Amino acid sequence: MNISEQQFERYRNYLRFLARTQLPTHLRARMDPSDIVQQSMLQAHQAAEDFRGTSEAELMAWLRAILAGVVAHTIRDQHRGVRDVYKEQSIQQQLDQSSSFLANALISPLQSPSVALRQEELARSVAELVEELPDAQRDAIVLHYWQQLPLKQVAETLGKSPAAVAGLLQRGLTTLREKAEEKIVL
């Protein structure tokens, strides 16, 4: 499969979303998901000739693997010399779980042979929608729903009251549902 520039660009927001979900909260201020994605895209461009897949699902999995390597390397650099349980977790596994959770976030389980491909496409679409949210809403949703932080901890991380975070979550989810109805055929 020859990878075009358009195919790479089509996955940029999806990768940025996954990078954002994998950054530990204590590193969010020092690490920008866009920088991680840019490095991942650079590595993907450099290794494009090595890609042997034939489908979009395989391309997404390959890009997730590259992103996992960049995230792991970045986290390792930030914690050089310090033991951190986060480094010992499988970042690839976490990215795959985020991708699966993302695909299932707005739909009920489907029953057809093309479920995996449809869920991968849906995951990319939902990631793009989340990336379009205002920063505060996006950050609240990522921290609460994907990093599974309690409301109080999200409020502390964002420097807001729990009531303000609850409002951000409600507005963000409402916006996501509205945009999903417009853009995504479920």
C-alpha atoms as a PDB file:
ATOM      1  CA  MET A   1       0.000   0.000   0.000  1.00  0.00           C
ATOM      2  CA  ASN A   2       1.485   3.312  -1.055  1.00  0.00           C
ATOM      3  CA  ILE A   3       0.725   5.909   1.628  1.00  0.00           C
ATOM      4  CA  SER A   4      -0.264   9.335   0.341  1.00  0.00           C
ATOM      5  CA  GLU A   5       0.212  12.644   2.130  1.00  0.00           C
ATOM      6  CA  GLN A   6      -3.590  12.900   2.389  1.00  0.00           C
ATOM      7  CA  GLN A   7      -3.765   9.589   4.231  1.00  0.00           C
ATOM      8  CA  PHE A   8      -1.159  10.754   6.725  1.00  0.00           C
ATOM      9  CA  GLU A   9      -2.997  14.029   7.289  1.00  0.00           C
ATOM     10  CA  ARG A  10      -6.315  12.252   7.707  1.00  0.00           C
ATOM     11  CA  TYR A  11      -4.953  10.616  10.871  1.00  0.00           C
ATOM     12  CA  ARG A  12      -3.287  13.680  12.445  1.00  0.00           C
ATOM     13  CA  ASN A  13      -6.194  14.582  14.778  1.00  0.00           C
ATOM     14  CA  TYR A  14      -6.718  10.934  15.678  1.00  0.00           C
ATOM     15  CA  LEU A  15      -3.063  10.617  16.708  1.00  0.00           C
ATOM     16  CA  ARG A  16      -3.143  13.944  18.581  1.00  0.00           C
ATOM     17  CA  PHE A  17      -6.157  12.718  20.543  1.00  0.00           C
ATOM     18  CA  LEU A  18      -4.427   9.438  21.400  1.00  0.00           C
ATOM     19  CA  ALA A  19      -1.255  11.286  22.407  1.00  0.00           C
ATOM     20  CA  ARG A  20      -3.294  13.597  24.628  1.00  0.00           C
ATOM     21  CA  THR A  21      -4.969  10.617  26.340  1.00  0.00           C
ATOM     22  CA  GLN A  22      -1.618   8.958  27.099  1.00  0.00           C
ATOM     23  CA  LEU A  23       0.201  11.904  28.639  1.00  0.00           C
ATOM     24  CA  PRO A  24       0.351  11.657  32.418  1.00  0.00           C
ATOM     25  CA  THR A  25      -1.305  14.689  33.984  1.00  0.00           C
ATOM     26  CA  HIS A  26       1.933  15.793  35.653  1.00  0.00           C
ATOM     27  CA  LEU A  27       3.616  16.062  32.211  1.00  0.00           C
ATOM     28  CA  ARG A  28       0.817  17.823  30.327  1.00  0.00           C
ATOM     29  CA  ALA A  29       2.228  21.298  30.971  1.00  0.00           C
ATOM     30  CA  ARG A  30       5.673  20.326  29.608  1.00  0.00           C
ATOM     31  CA  MET A  31       4.690  18.171  26.652  1.00  0.00           C
ATOM     32  CA  ASP A  32       2.474  19.187  23.748  1.00  0.00           C
ATOM     33  CA  PRO A  33       0.531  16.405  22.002  1.00  0.00           C
ATOM     34  CA  SER A  34       1.025  18.243  18.700  1.00  0.00           C
ATOM     35  CA  ASP A  35       4.795  17.923  19.069  1.00  0.00           C
ATOM     36  CA  ILE A  36       4.469  14.212  19.776  1.00  0.00           C
ATOM     37  CA  VAL A  37       2.267  13.769  16.705  1.00  0.00           C
ATOM     38  CA  GLN A  38       4.656  15.788  14.560  1.00  0.00           C
ATOM     39  CA  GLN A  39       7.538  13.532  15.592  1.00  0.00           C
ATOM     40  CA  SER A  40       5.385  10.455  14.953  1.00  0.00           C
ATOM     41  CA  MET A  41       4.396  11.708  11.501  1.00  0.00           C
ATOM     42  CA  LEU A  42       8.028  12.423  10.684  1.00  0.00           C
ATOM     43  CA  GLN A  43       8.992   8.874  11.659  1.00  0.00           C
ATOM     44  CA  ALA A  44       6.050   7.480   9.679  1.00  0.00           C
ATOM     45  CA  HIS A  45       7.077   9.449   6.578  1.00  0.00           C
ATOM     46  CA  GLN A  46      10.638   8.207   6.937  1.00  0.00           C
ATOM     47  CA  ALA A  47       9.471   4.595   7.300  1.00  0.00           C
ATOM     48  CA  ALA A  48       6.610   4.730   4.771  1.00  0.00           C
ATOM     49  CA  GLU A  49       8.389   2.353   2.403  1.00  0.00           C
ATOM     50  CA  ASP A  50       8.572  -0.230   5.198  1.00  0.00           C
ATOM     51  CA  PHE A  51       4.775  -0.294   5.689  1.00  0.00           C
ATOM     52  CA  ARG A  52       3.487  -3.628   4.403  1.00  0.00           C
ATOM     53  CA  GLY A  53      -0.196  -3.329   5.269  1.00  0.00           C
ATOM     54  CA  THR A  54      -2.985  -3.270   2.736  1.00  0.00           C
ATOM     55  CA  SER A  55      -5.896  -1.696   4.640  1.00  0.00           C
ATOM     56  CA  GLU A  56      -6.795   1.470   6.494  1.00  0.00           C
ATOM     57  CA  ALA A  57      -7.076  -0.530   9.742  1.00  0.00           C
ATOM     58  CA  GLU A  58      -3.503  -1.769   9.313  1.00  0.00           C
ATOM     59  CA  LEU A  59      -2.333   1.766   8.581  1.00  0.00           C
ATOM     60  CA  MET A  60      -4.014   3.030  11.760  1.00  0.00           C
ATOM     61  CA  ALA A  61      -2.427   0.241  13.808  1.00  0.00           C
ATOM     62  CA  TRP A  62       0.995   1.005  12.289  1.00  0.00           C
ATOM     63  CA  LEU A  63       0.628   4.718  13.073  1.00  0.00           C
ATOM     64  CA  ARG A  64      -0.487   3.893  16.638  1.00  0.00           C
ATOM     65  CA  ALA A  65       2.630   1.736  17.076  1.00  0.00           C
ATOM     66  CA  ILE A  66       4.855   4.597  15.913  1.00  0.00           C
ATOM     67  CA  LEU A  67       3.018   7.004  18.227  1.00  0.00           C
ATOM     68  CA  ALA A  68       3.457   4.563  21.131  1.00  0.00           C
ATOM     69  CA  GLY A  69       7.201   4.531  20.547  1.00  0.00           C
ATOM     70  CA  VAL A  70       7.405   8.319  20.445  1.00  0.00           C
ATOM     71  CA  VAL A  71       5.257   8.675  23.588  1.00  0.00           C
ATOM     72  CA  ALA A  72       7.350   6.073  25.436  1.00  0.00           C
ATOM     73  CA  HIS A  73      10.587   7.764  24.394  1.00  0.00           C
ATOM     74  CA  THR A  74       9.281  11.203  25.391  1.00  0.00           C
ATOM     75  CA  ILE A  75       8.083   9.988  28.785  1.00  0.00           C
ATOM     76  CA  ARG A  76      11.377   8.162  29.345  1.00  0.00           C
ATOM     77  CA  ASP A  77      13.269  11.387  28.574  1.00  0.00           C
ATOM     78  CA  GLN A  78      11.113  13.330  31.033  1.00  0.00           C
ATOM     79  CA  HIS A  79      11.739  10.781  33.794  1.00  0.00           C
ATOM     80  CA  ARG A  80      15.358   9.972  33.123  1.00  0.00           C
ATOM     81  CA  GLY A  81      16.876   8.604  36.312  1.00  0.00           C
ATOM     82  CA  VAL A  82      13.543   8.377  38.140  1.00  0.00           C
ATOM     83  CA  ARG A  83      11.623   5.139  38.579  1.00  0.00           C
ATOM     84  CA  ASP A  84       8.063   5.584  37.380  1.00  0.00           C
ATOM     85  CA  VAL A  85       5.358   2.931  37.302  1.00  0.00           C
ATOM     86  CA  TYR A  86       3.877   4.673  34.238  1.00  0.00           C
ATOM     87  CA  LYS A  87       6.969   3.755  32.211  1.00  0.00           C
ATOM     88  CA  GLU A  88       6.450   0.105  33.058  1.00  0.00           C
ATOM     89  CA  GLN A  89       2.961   0.011  31.562  1.00  0.00           C
ATOM     90  CA  SER A  90       2.486  -0.930  27.936  1.00  0.00           C
ATOM     91  CA  ILE A  91       1.896   2.321  26.084  1.00  0.00           C
ATOM     92  CA  GLN A  92       0.889   0.412  22.944  1.00  0.00           C
ATOM     93  CA  GLN A  93      -1.740  -1.434  24.968  1.00  0.00           C
ATOM     94  CA  GLN A  94      -3.024   1.838  26.423  1.00  0.00           C
ATOM     95  CA  LEU A  95      -3.247   3.406  22.960  1.00  0.00           C
ATOM     96  CA  ASP A  96      -5.158   0.410  21.667  1.00  0.00           C
ATOM     97  CA  GLN A  97      -7.522   0.600  24.640  1.00  0.00           C
ATOM     98  CA  SER A  98      -8.041   4.345  24.078  1.00  0.00           C
ATOM     99  CA  SER A  99      -8.749   3.675  20.429  1.00  0.00           C
ATOM    100  CA  SER A 100     -11.274   0.953  21.281  1.00  0.00           C
ATOM    101  CA  PHE A 101     -12.925   3.094  23.943  1.00  0.00           C
ATOM    102  CA  LEU A 102     -13.074   5.962  21.489  1.00  0.00           C
ATOM    103  CA  ALA A 103     -14.739   3.785  18.861  1.00  0.00           C
ATOM    104  CA  ASN A 104     -17.367   2.641  21.336  1.00  0.00           C
ATOM    105  CA  ALA A 105     -17.963   6.018  22.972  1.00  0.00           C
ATOM    106  CA  LEU A 106     -20.920   7.051  20.865  1.00  0.00           C
ATOM    107  CA  ILE A 107     -22.335   3.736  19.635  1.00  0.00           C
ATOM    108  CA  SER A 108     -23.650   0.484  20.948  1.00  0.00           C
ATOM    109  CA  PRO A 109     -21.911  -2.756  19.955  1.00  0.00           C
ATOM    110  CA  LEU A 110     -22.378  -3.659  16.289  1.00  0.00           C
ATOM    111  CA  GLN A 111     -22.932  -7.185  14.992  1.00  0.00           C
ATOM    112  CA  SER A 112     -21.281  -7.573  11.591  1.00  0.00           C
ATOM    113  CA  PRO A 113     -18.045  -8.876  10.063  1.00  0.00           C
ATOM    114  CA  SER A 114     -16.854  -5.345   9.343  1.00  0.00           C
ATOM    115  CA  VAL A 115     -17.080  -4.204  12.983  1.00  0.00           C
ATOM    116  CA  ALA A 116     -13.335  -3.715  13.484  1.00  0.00           C
ATOM    117  CA  LEU A 117     -12.906  -1.586  10.376  1.00  0.00           C
ATOM    118  CA  ARG A 118     -16.012   0.460  11.146  1.00  0.00           C
ATOM    119  CA  GLN A 119     -14.868   1.012  14.722  1.00  0.00           C
ATOM    120  CA  GLU A 120     -11.422   2.168  13.542  1.00  0.00           C
ATOM    121  CA  GLU A 121     -13.065   4.649  11.161  1.00  0.00           C
ATOM    122  CA  LEU A 122     -15.399   5.788  13.915  1.00  0.00           C
ATOM    123  CA  ALA A 123     -12.493   6.167  16.357  1.00  0.00           C
ATOM    124  CA  ARG A 124     -10.758   8.493  13.921  1.00  0.00           C
ATOM    125  CA  SER A 125     -13.945  10.511  13.404  1.00  0.00           C
ATOM    126  CA  VAL A 126     -14.642  10.849  17.136  1.00  0.00           C
ATOM    127  CA  ALA A 127     -11.013  11.846  17.794  1.00  0.00           C
ATOM    128  CA  GLU A 128     -11.358  14.600  15.199  1.00  0.00           C
ATOM    129  CA  LEU A 129     -14.536  15.828  16.872  1.00  0.00           C
ATOM    130  CA  VAL A 130     -12.897  15.848  20.316  1.00  0.00           C
ATOM    131  CA  GLU A 131      -9.923  17.776  18.910  1.00  0.00           C
ATOM    132  CA  GLU A 132     -12.328  20.437  17.556  1.00  0.00           C
ATOM    133  CA  LEU A 133     -13.738  21.180  21.018  1.00  0.00           C
ATOM    134  CA  PRO A 134     -12.592  24.289  22.881  1.00  0.00           C
ATOM    135  CA  ASP A 135      -9.437  23.525  24.864  1.00  0.00           C
ATOM    136  CA  ALA A 136     -11.071  23.525  28.310  1.00  0.00           C
ATOM    137  CA  GLN A 137     -13.901  21.197  27.241  1.00  0.00           C
ATOM    138  CA  ARG A 138     -11.522  18.886  25.403  1.00  0.00           C
ATOM    139  CA  ASP A 139      -9.124  18.693  28.345  1.00  0.00           C
ATOM    140  CA  ALA A 140     -11.953  17.994  30.808  1.00  0.00           C
ATOM    141  CA  ILE A 141     -13.348  15.221  28.603  1.00  0.00           C
ATOM    142  CA  VAL A 142      -9.959  13.608  28.022  1.00  0.00           C
ATOM    143  CA  LEU A 143      -9.011  13.717  31.704  1.00  0.00           C
ATOM    144  CA  HIS A 144     -12.358  12.482  32.988  1.00  0.00           C
ATOM    145  CA  TYR A 145     -13.461   9.950  30.371  1.00  0.00           C
ATOM    146  CA  TRP A 146     -10.216   8.650  28.888  1.00  0.00           C
ATOM    147  CA  GLN A 147      -7.767   9.056  31.746  1.00  0.00           C
ATOM    148  CA  GLN A 148     -10.595   8.231  34.164  1.00  0.00           C
ATOM    149  CA  LEU A 149      -9.740  10.891  36.700  1.00  0.00           C
ATOM    150  CA  PRO A 150     -12.439  11.736  39.255  1.00  0.00           C
ATOM    151  CA  LEU A 151     -14.176  15.090  38.838  1.00  0.00           C
ATOM    152  CA  LYS A 152     -12.338  16.584  41.826  1.00  0.00           C
ATOM    153  CA  GLN A 153      -8.923  15.653  40.412  1.00  0.00           C
ATOM    154  CA  VAL A 154      -9.866  17.014  36.972  1.00  0.00           C
ATOM    155  CA  ALA A 155     -10.861  20.269  38.675  1.00  0.00           C
ATOM    156  CA  GLU A 156      -7.515  20.454  40.488  1.00  0.00           C
ATOM    157  CA  THR A 157      -5.581  19.664  37.301  1.00  0.00           C
ATOM    158  CA  LEU A 158      -7.416  22.334  35.308  1.00  0.00           C
ATOM    159  CA  GLY A 159      -7.429  24.875  38.151  1.00  0.00           C
ATOM    160  CA  LYS A 160     -11.232  25.078  38.171  1.00  0.00           C
ATOM    161  CA  SER A 161     -14.031  24.267  40.582  1.00  0.00           C
ATOM    162  CA  PRO A 162     -15.755  20.880  40.342  1.00  0.00           C
ATOM    163  CA  ALA A 163     -18.954  22.684  39.289  1.00  0.00           C
ATOM    164  CA  ALA A 164     -17.091  24.445  36.472  1.00  0.00           C
ATOM    165  CA  VAL A 165     -15.619  21.138  35.303  1.00  0.00           C
ATOM    166  CA  ALA A 166     -19.071  19.508  35.406  1.00  0.00           C
ATOM    167  CA  GLY A 167     -20.308  22.323  33.162  1.00  0.00           C
ATOM    168  CA  LEU A 168     -17.376  21.834  30.779  1.00  0.00           C
ATOM    169  CA  LEU A 169     -18.101  18.111  30.603  1.00  0.00           C
ATOM    170  CA  GLN A 170     -21.805  18.660  29.976  1.00  0.00           C
ATOM    171  CA  ARG A 171     -21.211  21.282  27.250  1.00  0.00           C
ATOM    172  CA  GLY A 172     -18.448  19.208  25.681  1.00  0.00           C
ATOM    173  CA  LEU A 173     -20.550  16.045  25.516  1.00  0.00           C
ATOM    174  CA  THR A 174     -23.526  17.986  24.148  1.00  0.00           C
ATOM    175  CA  THR A 175     -21.317  19.489  21.440  1.00  0.00           C
ATOM    176  CA  LEU A 176     -19.820  16.077  20.631  1.00  0.00           C
ATOM    177  CA  ARG A 177     -23.257  14.511  20.259  1.00  0.00           C
ATOM    178  CA  GLU A 178     -24.458  17.349  18.021  1.00  0.00           C
ATOM    179  CA  LYS A 179     -21.377  17.210  15.822  1.00  0.00           C
ATOM    180  CA  ALA A 180     -21.539  13.410  15.700  1.00  0.00           C
ATOM    181  CA  GLU A 181     -25.101  13.560  14.438  1.00  0.00           C
ATOM    182  CA  GLU A 182     -23.996  15.953  11.693  1.00  0.00           C
ATOM    183  CA  LYS A 183     -20.768  14.249  10.637  1.00  0.00           C
ATOM    184  CA  ILE A 184     -20.843  10.594  11.602  1.00  0.00           C
ATOM    185  CA  VAL A 185     -23.245   8.060  10.230  1.00  0.00           C
ATOM    186  CA  LEU A 186     -23.742   5.607  13.088  1.00  0.00           C
END
